[in-house]
Amino acid sequence: MGTQYQKENFDIVSLDESFFFYDSLARRVWIDKEKRHVVRITSSHEYSCLFGAVSMNQKQLFRHYYKFNTETFLDFLKTIHSKFPK
């Protein structure tokens, strides 16, 4: 499949994104009925975003951003276009 597209002179690129949140997770614990459960949280709601791209000819591109919005996504698309111009 990859050879046919190389003859056509263009790249096939697959994109994805991941989000990493910095909040703590409250899990179910065994406690006494008479005691009140206390959950500690950070309340920061901060996150990081990681964009990735992989092409059929095994080139890779990854970028880390502290925000996910139109500007960061457009910046990533421009970076992809410069790395994979075909």
PDB file of N, CA and C in Angstrom:
ATOM      1  N   MET A   1       0.829  -1.194   0.000  1.00  0.00           N
ATOM      2  CA  MET A   1       0.000   0.000   0.000  1.00  0.00           C
ATOM      3  C   MET A   1       0.868   1.250   0.000  1.00  0.00           C
ATOM      4  N   GLY A   2       1.924   1.280   0.787  1.00  0.00           N
ATOM      5  CA  GLY A   2       2.786   2.451   0.861  1.00  0.00           C
ATOM      6  C   GLY A   2       3.494   2.750  -0.441  1.00  0.00           C
ATOM      7  N   THR A   3       3.851   1.734  -1.213  1.00  0.00           N
ATOM      8  CA  THR A   3       4.585   1.960  -2.464  1.00  0.00           C
ATOM      9  C   THR A   3       3.733   2.691  -3.484  1.00  0.00           C
ATOM     10  N   GLN A   4       2.468   2.359  -3.582  1.00  0.00           N
ATOM     11  CA  GLN A   4       1.576   3.004  -4.539  1.00  0.00           C
ATOM     12  C   GLN A   4       1.491   4.508  -4.246  1.00  0.00           C
ATOM     13  N   TYR A   5       1.392   4.883  -2.972  1.00  0.00           N
ATOM     14  CA  TYR A   5       1.258   6.289  -2.613  1.00  0.00           C
ATOM     15  C   TYR A   5       2.578   7.038  -2.766  1.00  0.00           C
ATOM     16  N   GLN A   6       3.691   6.349  -2.645  1.00  0.00           N
ATOM     17  CA  GLN A   6       4.977   6.990  -2.873  1.00  0.00           C
ATOM     18  C   GLN A   6       5.131   7.344  -4.348  1.00  0.00           C
ATOM     19  N   LYS A   7       4.581   6.520  -5.235  1.00  0.00           N
ATOM     20  CA  LYS A   7       4.633   6.822  -6.663  1.00  0.00           C
ATOM     21  C   LYS A   7       3.773   8.039  -6.993  1.00  0.00           C
ATOM     22  N   GLU A   8       2.689   8.229  -6.238  1.00  0.00           N
ATOM     23  CA  GLU A   8       1.787   9.365  -6.470  1.00  0.00           C
ATOM     24  C   GLU A   8       2.371  10.661  -5.905  1.00  0.00           C
ATOM     25  N   ASN A   9       3.440  10.565  -5.136  1.00  0.00           N
ATOM     26  CA  ASN A   9       4.161  11.719  -4.611  1.00  0.00           C
ATOM     27  C   ASN A   9       3.359  12.511  -3.572  1.00  0.00           C
ATOM     28  N   PHE A  10       2.760  11.808  -2.616  1.00  0.00           N
ATOM     29  CA  PHE A  10       2.150  12.482  -1.474  1.00  0.00           C
ATOM     30  C   PHE A  10       2.267  11.593  -0.243  1.00  0.00           C
ATOM     31  N   ASP A  11       2.141  12.209   0.935  1.00  0.00           N
ATOM     32  CA  ASP A  11       2.268  11.505   2.211  1.00  0.00           C
ATOM     33  C   ASP A  11       0.896  11.295   2.832  1.00  0.00           C
ATOM     34  N   ILE A  12       0.719  10.154   3.483  1.00  0.00           N
ATOM     35  CA  ILE A  12      -0.460   9.894   4.297  1.00  0.00           C
ATOM     36  C   ILE A  12      -0.025  10.029   5.745  1.00  0.00           C
ATOM     37  N   VAL A  13      -0.716  10.908   6.490  1.00  0.00           N
ATOM     38  CA  VAL A  13      -0.334  11.205   7.866  1.00  0.00           C
ATOM     39  C   VAL A  13      -1.530  10.975   8.780  1.00  0.00           C
ATOM     40  N   SER A  14      -1.289  10.297   9.892  1.00  0.00           N
ATOM     41  CA  SER A  14      -2.319  10.064  10.898  1.00  0.00           C
ATOM     42  C   SER A  14      -2.032  10.943  12.110  1.00  0.00           C
ATOM     43  N   LEU A  15      -3.056  11.654  12.603  1.00  0.00           N
ATOM     44  CA  LEU A  15      -2.903  12.589  13.726  1.00  0.00           C
ATOM     45  C   LEU A  15      -3.706  12.132  14.930  1.00  0.00           C
ATOM     46  N   ASP A  16      -3.234  12.505  16.114  1.00  0.00           N
ATOM     47  CA  ASP A  16      -3.996  12.252  17.334  1.00  0.00           C
ATOM     48  C   ASP A  16      -3.522  13.220  18.411  1.00  0.00           C
ATOM     49  N   GLU A  17      -4.330  13.360  19.449  1.00  0.00           N
ATOM     50  CA  GLU A  17      -3.953  14.213  20.567  1.00  0.00           C
ATOM     51  C   GLU A  17      -4.282  13.504  21.868  1.00  0.00           C
ATOM     52  N   SER A  18      -3.552  13.864  22.927  1.00  0.00           N
ATOM     53  CA  SER A  18      -3.780  13.316  24.268  1.00  0.00           C
ATOM     54  C   SER A  18      -3.755  14.463  25.262  1.00  0.00           C
ATOM     55  N   PHE A  19      -4.555  14.312  26.312  1.00  0.00           N
ATOM     56  CA  PHE A  19      -4.623  15.309  27.371  1.00  0.00           C
ATOM     57  C   PHE A  19      -4.179  14.668  28.673  1.00  0.00           C
ATOM     58  N   PHE A  20      -3.375  15.395  29.433  1.00  0.00           N
ATOM     59  CA  PHE A  20      -2.898  14.933  30.731  1.00  0.00           C
ATOM     60  C   PHE A  20      -3.355  15.921  31.784  1.00  0.00           C
ATOM     61  N   PHE A  21      -4.240  15.455  32.692  1.00  0.00           N
ATOM     62  CA  PHE A  21      -4.801  16.315  33.731  1.00  0.00           C
ATOM     63  C   PHE A  21      -4.031  16.110  35.031  1.00  0.00           C
ATOM     64  N   TYR A  22      -3.851  17.202  35.786  1.00  0.00           N
ATOM     65  CA  TYR A  22      -3.077  17.159  37.020  1.00  0.00           C
ATOM     66  C   TYR A  22      -3.933  17.028  38.271  1.00  0.00           C
ATOM     67  N   ASP A  23      -5.201  16.728  38.141  1.00  0.00           N
ATOM     68  CA  ASP A  23      -6.070  16.592  39.308  1.00  0.00           C
ATOM     69  C   ASP A  23      -5.862  15.236  39.964  1.00  0.00           C
ATOM     70  N   SER A  24      -6.171  15.174  41.249  1.00  0.00           N
ATOM     71  CA  SER A  24      -6.077  13.892  41.945  1.00  0.00           C
ATOM     72  C   SER A  24      -7.365  13.101  41.724  1.00  0.00           C
ATOM     73  N   LEU A  25      -7.293  11.831  41.976  1.00  0.00           N
ATOM     74  CA  LEU A  25      -8.426  10.935  41.747  1.00  0.00           C
ATOM     75  C   LEU A  25      -8.891  10.371  43.077  1.00  0.00           C
ATOM     76  N   ALA A  26     -10.176  10.534  43.372  1.00  0.00           N
ATOM     77  CA  ALA A  26     -10.733   9.967  44.603  1.00  0.00           C
ATOM     78  C   ALA A  26     -11.189   8.549  44.314  1.00  0.00           C
ATOM     79  N   ARG A  27     -10.674   7.623  45.082  1.00  0.00           N
ATOM     80  CA  ARG A  27     -11.048   6.210  44.903  1.00  0.00           C
ATOM     81  C   ARG A  27     -11.893   5.747  46.078  1.00  0.00           C
ATOM     82  N   ARG A  28     -12.626   4.676  45.852  1.00  0.00           N
ATOM     83  CA  ARG A  28     -13.438   4.115  46.916  1.00  0.00           C
ATOM     84  C   ARG A  28     -12.518   3.419  47.920  1.00  0.00           C
ATOM     85  N   VAL A  29     -12.738   3.710  49.189  1.00  0.00           N
ATOM     86  CA  VAL A  29     -11.938   3.095  50.249  1.00  0.00           C
ATOM     87  C   VAL A  29     -12.878   2.496  51.287  1.00  0.00           C
ATOM     88  N   TRP A  30     -12.358   1.555  52.030  1.00  0.00           N
ATOM     89  CA  TRP A  30     -13.147   0.963  53.109  1.00  0.00           C
ATOM     90  C   TRP A  30     -12.942   1.791  54.361  1.00  0.00           C
ATOM     91  N   ILE A  31     -14.045   2.354  54.875  1.00  0.00           N
ATOM     92  CA  ILE A  31     -13.965   3.150  56.102  1.00  0.00           C
ATOM     93  C   ILE A  31     -15.104   2.742  57.023  1.00  0.00           C
ATOM     94  N   ASP A  32     -14.995   3.150  58.245  1.00  0.00           N
ATOM     95  CA  ASP A  32     -16.033   2.896  59.240  1.00  0.00           C
ATOM     96  C   ASP A  32     -17.251   3.762  58.927  1.00  0.00           C
ATOM     97  N   LYS A  33     -18.446   3.237  59.123  1.00  0.00           N
ATOM     98  CA  LYS A  33     -19.677   3.986  58.843  1.00  0.00           C
ATOM     99  C   LYS A  33     -19.782   5.261  59.674  1.00  0.00           C
ATOM    100  N   GLU A  34     -19.217   5.243  60.852  1.00  0.00           N
ATOM    101  CA  GLU A  34     -19.326   6.386  61.752  1.00  0.00           C
ATOM    102  C   GLU A  34     -18.345   7.511  61.402  1.00  0.00           C
ATOM    103  N   LYS A  35     -17.347   7.219  60.575  1.00  0.00           N
ATOM    104  CA  LYS A  35     -16.359   8.234  60.223  1.00  0.00           C
ATOM    105  C   LYS A  35     -16.686   8.823  58.856  1.00  0.00           C
ATOM    106  N   ARG A  36     -16.336  10.057  58.696  1.00  0.00           N
ATOM    107  CA  ARG A  36     -16.581  10.747  57.431  1.00  0.00           C
ATOM    108  C   ARG A  36     -15.351  10.608  56.534  1.00  0.00           C
ATOM    109  N   HIS A  37     -15.588  10.319  55.267  1.00  0.00           N
ATOM    110  CA  HIS A  37     -14.500  10.162  54.311  1.00  0.00           C
ATOM    111  C   HIS A  37     -13.976  11.527  53.891  1.00  0.00           C
ATOM    112  N   VAL A  38     -12.660  11.718  53.904  1.00  0.00           N
ATOM    113  CA  VAL A  38     -12.036  12.976  53.515  1.00  0.00           C
ATOM    114  C   VAL A  38     -11.285  12.748  52.210  1.00  0.00           C
ATOM    115  N   VAL A  39     -11.565  13.610  51.227  1.00  0.00           N
ATOM    116  CA  VAL A  39     -10.900  13.514  49.929  1.00  0.00           C
ATOM    117  C   VAL A  39     -10.102  14.793  49.723  1.00  0.00           C
ATOM    118  N   ARG A  40      -8.803  14.644  49.467  1.00  0.00           N
ATOM    119  CA  ARG A  40      -7.961  15.800  49.199  1.00  0.00           C
ATOM    120  C   ARG A  40      -7.819  15.964  47.692  1.00  0.00           C
ATOM    121  N   ILE A  41      -8.065  17.178  47.213  1.00  0.00           N
ATOM    122  CA  ILE A  41      -7.934  17.458  45.781  1.00  0.00           C
ATOM    123  C   ILE A  41      -7.086  18.703  45.585  1.00  0.00           C
ATOM    124  N   THR A  42      -6.524  18.836  44.402  1.00  0.00           N
ATOM    125  CA  THR A  42      -5.675  19.989  44.119  1.00  0.00           C
ATOM    126  C   THR A  42      -6.485  21.191  43.655  1.00  0.00           C
ATOM    127  N   SER A  43      -7.616  20.968  43.042  1.00  0.00           N
ATOM    128  CA  SER A  43      -8.484  22.015  42.492  1.00  0.00           C
ATOM    129  C   SER A  43      -7.777  22.878  41.459  1.00  0.00           C
ATOM    130  N   SER A  44      -6.701  22.380  40.885  1.00  0.00           N
ATOM    131  CA  SER A  44      -5.955  23.184  39.923  1.00  0.00           C
ATOM    132  C   SER A  44      -6.570  23.112  38.527  1.00  0.00           C
ATOM    133  N   HIS A  45      -7.108  21.970  38.167  1.00  0.00           N
ATOM    134  CA  HIS A  45      -7.694  21.748  36.844  1.00  0.00           C
ATOM    135  C   HIS A  45      -6.710  22.076  35.722  1.00  0.00           C
ATOM    136  N   GLU A  46      -5.428  21.940  35.988  1.00  0.00           N
ATOM    137  CA  GLU A  46      -4.421  22.193  34.973  1.00  0.00           C
ATOM    138  C   GLU A  46      -4.262  20.954  34.099  1.00  0.00           C
ATOM    139  N   TYR A  47      -3.814  21.172  32.873  1.00  0.00           N
ATOM    140  CA  TYR A  47      -3.611  20.065  31.961  1.00  0.00           C
ATOM    141  C   TYR A  47      -2.557  20.412  30.933  1.00  0.00           C
ATOM    142  N   SER A  48      -2.066  19.401  30.279  1.00  0.00           N
ATOM    143  CA  SER A  48      -1.154  19.555  29.150  1.00  0.00           C
ATOM    144  C   SER A  48      -1.743  18.804  27.977  1.00  0.00           C
ATOM    145  N   CYS A  49      -1.381  19.233  26.792  1.00  0.00           N
ATOM    146  CA  CYS A  49      -1.884  18.605  25.578  1.00  0.00           C
ATOM    147  C   CYS A  49      -0.690  18.157  24.738  1.00  0.00           C
ATOM    148  N   LEU A  50      -0.773  16.959  24.214  1.00  0.00           N
ATOM    149  CA  LEU A  50       0.282  16.424  23.364  1.00  0.00           C
ATOM    150  C   LEU A  50      -0.329  16.064  22.021  1.00  0.00           C
ATOM    151  N   PHE A  51       0.189  16.652  20.949  1.00  0.00           N
ATOM    152  CA  PHE A  51      -0.229  16.338  19.590  1.00  0.00           C
ATOM    153  C   PHE A  51       0.814  15.428  18.960  1.00  0.00           C
ATOM    154  N   GLY A  52       0.363  14.468  18.172  1.00  0.00           N
ATOM    155  CA  GLY A  52       1.290  13.578  17.490  1.00  0.00           C
ATOM    156  C   GLY A  52       0.837  13.282  16.079  1.00  0.00           C
ATOM    157  N   ALA A  53       1.814  13.003  15.216  1.00  0.00           N
ATOM    158  CA  ALA A  53       1.539  12.648  13.827  1.00  0.00           C
ATOM    159  C   ALA A  53       2.548  11.598  13.386  1.00  0.00           C
ATOM    160  N   VAL A  54       2.063  10.618  12.625  1.00  0.00           N
ATOM    161  CA  VAL A  54       2.909   9.560  12.082  1.00  0.00           C
ATOM    162  C   VAL A  54       2.544   9.399  10.619  1.00  0.00           C
ATOM    163  N   SER A  55       3.563   9.333   9.751  1.00  0.00           N
ATOM    164  CA  SER A  55       3.300   9.172   8.320  1.00  0.00           C
ATOM    165  C   SER A  55       3.547   7.728   7.905  1.00  0.00           C
ATOM    166  N   MET A  56       3.126   7.403   6.685  1.00  0.00           N
ATOM    167  CA  MET A  56       3.305   6.046   6.154  1.00  0.00           C
ATOM    168  C   MET A  56       4.787   5.711   5.954  1.00  0.00           C
ATOM    169  N   ASN A  57       5.632   6.709   5.735  1.00  0.00           N
ATOM    170  CA  ASN A  57       7.060   6.432   5.563  1.00  0.00           C
ATOM    171  C   ASN A  57       7.807   6.540   6.899  1.00  0.00           C
ATOM    172  N   GLN A  58       7.071   6.418   8.011  1.00  0.00           N
ATOM    173  CA  GLN A  58       7.575   6.301   9.374  1.00  0.00           C
ATOM    174  C   GLN A  58       8.236   7.566   9.917  1.00  0.00           C
ATOM    175  N   LYS A  59       7.923   8.728   9.359  1.00  0.00           N
ATOM    176  CA  LYS A  59       8.334   9.985   9.976  1.00  0.00           C
ATOM    177  C   LYS A  59       7.353  10.295  11.100  1.00  0.00           C
ATOM    178  N   GLN A  60       7.861  10.904  12.174  1.00  0.00           N
ATOM    179  CA  GLN A  60       7.030  11.229  13.329  1.00  0.00           C
ATOM    180  C   GLN A  60       7.183  12.688  13.703  1.00  0.00           C
ATOM    181  N   LEU A  61       6.138  13.229  14.301  1.00  0.00           N
ATOM    182  CA  LEU A  61       6.167  14.602  14.782  1.00  0.00           C
ATOM    183  C   LEU A  61       5.321  14.683  16.042  1.00  0.00           C
ATOM    184  N   PHE A  62       5.889  15.214  17.120  1.00  0.00           N
ATOM    185  CA  PHE A  62       5.174  15.379  18.383  1.00  0.00           C
ATOM    186  C   PHE A  62       5.394  16.796  18.887  1.00  0.00           C
ATOM    187  N   ARG A  63       4.335  17.399  19.437  1.00  0.00           N
ATOM    188  CA  ARG A  63       4.422  18.737  20.011  1.00  0.00           C
ATOM    189  C   ARG A  63       3.638  18.773  21.321  1.00  0.00           C
ATOM    190  N   HIS A  64       4.194  19.477  22.303  1.00  0.00           N
ATOM    191  CA  HIS A  64       3.568  19.614  23.614  1.00  0.00           C
ATOM    192  C   HIS A  64       3.094  21.056  23.786  1.00  0.00           C
ATOM    193  N   TYR A  65       1.844  21.225  24.236  1.00  0.00           N
ATOM    194  CA  TYR A  65       1.277  22.545  24.488  1.00  0.00           C
ATOM    195  C   TYR A  65       0.633  22.556  25.869  1.00  0.00           C
ATOM    196  N   TYR A  66       0.596  23.724  26.484  1.00  0.00           N
ATOM    197  CA  TYR A  66      -0.058  23.858  27.793  1.00  0.00           C
ATOM    198  C   TYR A  66      -1.517  24.274  27.660  1.00  0.00           C
ATOM    199  N   LYS A  67      -1.962  24.539  26.447  1.00  0.00           N
ATOM    200  CA  LYS A  67      -3.362  24.881  26.187  1.00  0.00           C
ATOM    201  C   LYS A  67      -3.828  24.105  24.969  1.00  0.00           C
ATOM    202  N   PHE A  68      -5.122  23.876  24.889  1.00  0.00           N
ATOM    203  CA  PHE A  68      -5.726  23.310  23.682  1.00  0.00           C
ATOM    204  C   PHE A  68      -6.767  24.307  23.205  1.00  0.00           C
ATOM    205  N   ASN A  69      -6.430  25.018  22.154  1.00  0.00           N
ATOM    206  CA  ASN A  69      -7.355  25.984  21.585  1.00  0.00           C
ATOM    207  C   ASN A  69      -7.071  26.106  20.087  1.00  0.00           C
ATOM    208  N   THR A  70      -7.737  27.026  19.440  1.00  0.00           N
ATOM    209  CA  THR A  70      -7.576  27.140  17.983  1.00  0.00           C
ATOM    210  C   THR A  70      -6.167  27.542  17.588  1.00  0.00           C
ATOM    211  N   GLU A  71      -5.526  28.386  18.404  1.00  0.00           N
ATOM    212  CA  GLU A  71      -4.166  28.833  18.064  1.00  0.00           C
ATOM    213  C   GLU A  71      -3.159  27.679  18.131  1.00  0.00           C
ATOM    214  N   THR A  72      -3.247  26.861  19.184  1.00  0.00           N
ATOM    215  CA  THR A  72      -2.293  25.760  19.308  1.00  0.00           C
ATOM    216  C   THR A  72      -2.543  24.695  18.251  1.00  0.00           C
ATOM    217  N   PHE A  73      -3.803  24.427  17.945  1.00  0.00           N
ATOM    218  CA  PHE A  73      -4.109  23.427  16.921  1.00  0.00           C
ATOM    219  C   PHE A  73      -3.658  23.916  15.544  1.00  0.00           C
ATOM    220  N   LEU A  74      -3.893  25.186  15.239  1.00  0.00           N
ATOM    221  CA  LEU A  74      -3.453  25.744  13.970  1.00  0.00           C
ATOM    222  C   LEU A  74      -1.926  25.746  13.864  1.00  0.00           C
ATOM    223  N   ASP A  75      -1.244  26.048  14.963  1.00  0.00           N
ATOM    224  CA  ASP A  75       0.221  25.996  14.985  1.00  0.00           C
ATOM    225  C   ASP A  75       0.709  24.581  14.689  1.00  0.00           C
ATOM    226  N   PHE A  76       0.047  23.581  15.274  1.00  0.00           N
ATOM    227  CA  PHE A  76       0.424  22.186  15.016  1.00  0.00           C
ATOM    228  C   PHE A  76       0.178  21.815  13.551  1.00  0.00           C
ATOM    229  N   LEU A  77      -0.942  22.246  12.982  1.00  0.00           N
ATOM    230  CA  LEU A  77      -1.218  21.953  11.573  1.00  0.00           C
ATOM    231  C   LEU A  77      -0.196  22.600  10.643  1.00  0.00           C
ATOM    232  N   LYS A  78       0.223  23.820  10.985  1.00  0.00           N
ATOM    233  CA  LYS A  78       1.262  24.476  10.181  1.00  0.00           C
ATOM    234  C   LYS A  78       2.590  23.730  10.281  1.00  0.00           C
ATOM    235  N   THR A  79       2.903  23.227  11.472  1.00  0.00           N
ATOM    236  CA  THR A  79       4.131  22.454  11.658  1.00  0.00           C
ATOM    237  C   THR A  79       4.071  21.152  10.858  1.00  0.00           C
ATOM    238  N   ILE A  80       2.910  20.520  10.834  1.00  0.00           N
ATOM    239  CA  ILE A  80       2.741  19.297  10.043  1.00  0.00           C
ATOM    240  C   ILE A  80       2.926  19.603   8.554  1.00  0.00           C
ATOM    241  N   HIS A  81       2.338  20.696   8.126  1.00  0.00           N
ATOM    242  CA  HIS A  81       2.432  21.054   6.711  1.00  0.00           C
ATOM    243  C   HIS A  81       3.883  21.330   6.307  1.00  0.00           C
ATOM    244  N   SER A  82       4.675  21.916   7.207  1.00  0.00           N
ATOM    245  CA  SER A  82       6.075  22.164   6.867  1.00  0.00           C
ATOM    246  C   SER A  82       6.897  20.876   6.896  1.00  0.00           C
ATOM    247  N   LYS A  83       6.546  19.925   7.777  1.00  0.00           N
ATOM    248  CA  LYS A  83       7.291  18.656   7.848  1.00  0.00           C
ATOM    249  C   LYS A  83       6.849  17.703   6.732  1.00  0.00           C
ATOM    250  N   PHE A  84       5.573  17.700   6.396  1.00  0.00           N
ATOM    251  CA  PHE A  84       5.025  16.827   5.343  1.00  0.00           C
ATOM    252  C   PHE A  84       4.383  17.694   4.256  1.00  0.00           C
ATOM    253  N   PRO A  85       5.144  18.324   3.417  1.00  0.00           N
ATOM    254  CA  PRO A  85       4.570  19.286   2.461  1.00  0.00           C
ATOM    255  C   PRO A  85       3.765  18.656   1.325  1.00  0.00           C
ATOM    256  N   LYS A  86       3.932  17.365   1.093  1.00  0.00           N
ATOM    257  CA  LYS A  86       3.226  16.748  -0.045  1.00  0.00           C
ATOM    258  C   LYS A  86       1.833  16.320   0.362  1.00  0.00           C
TER     259      LYS A  86
END
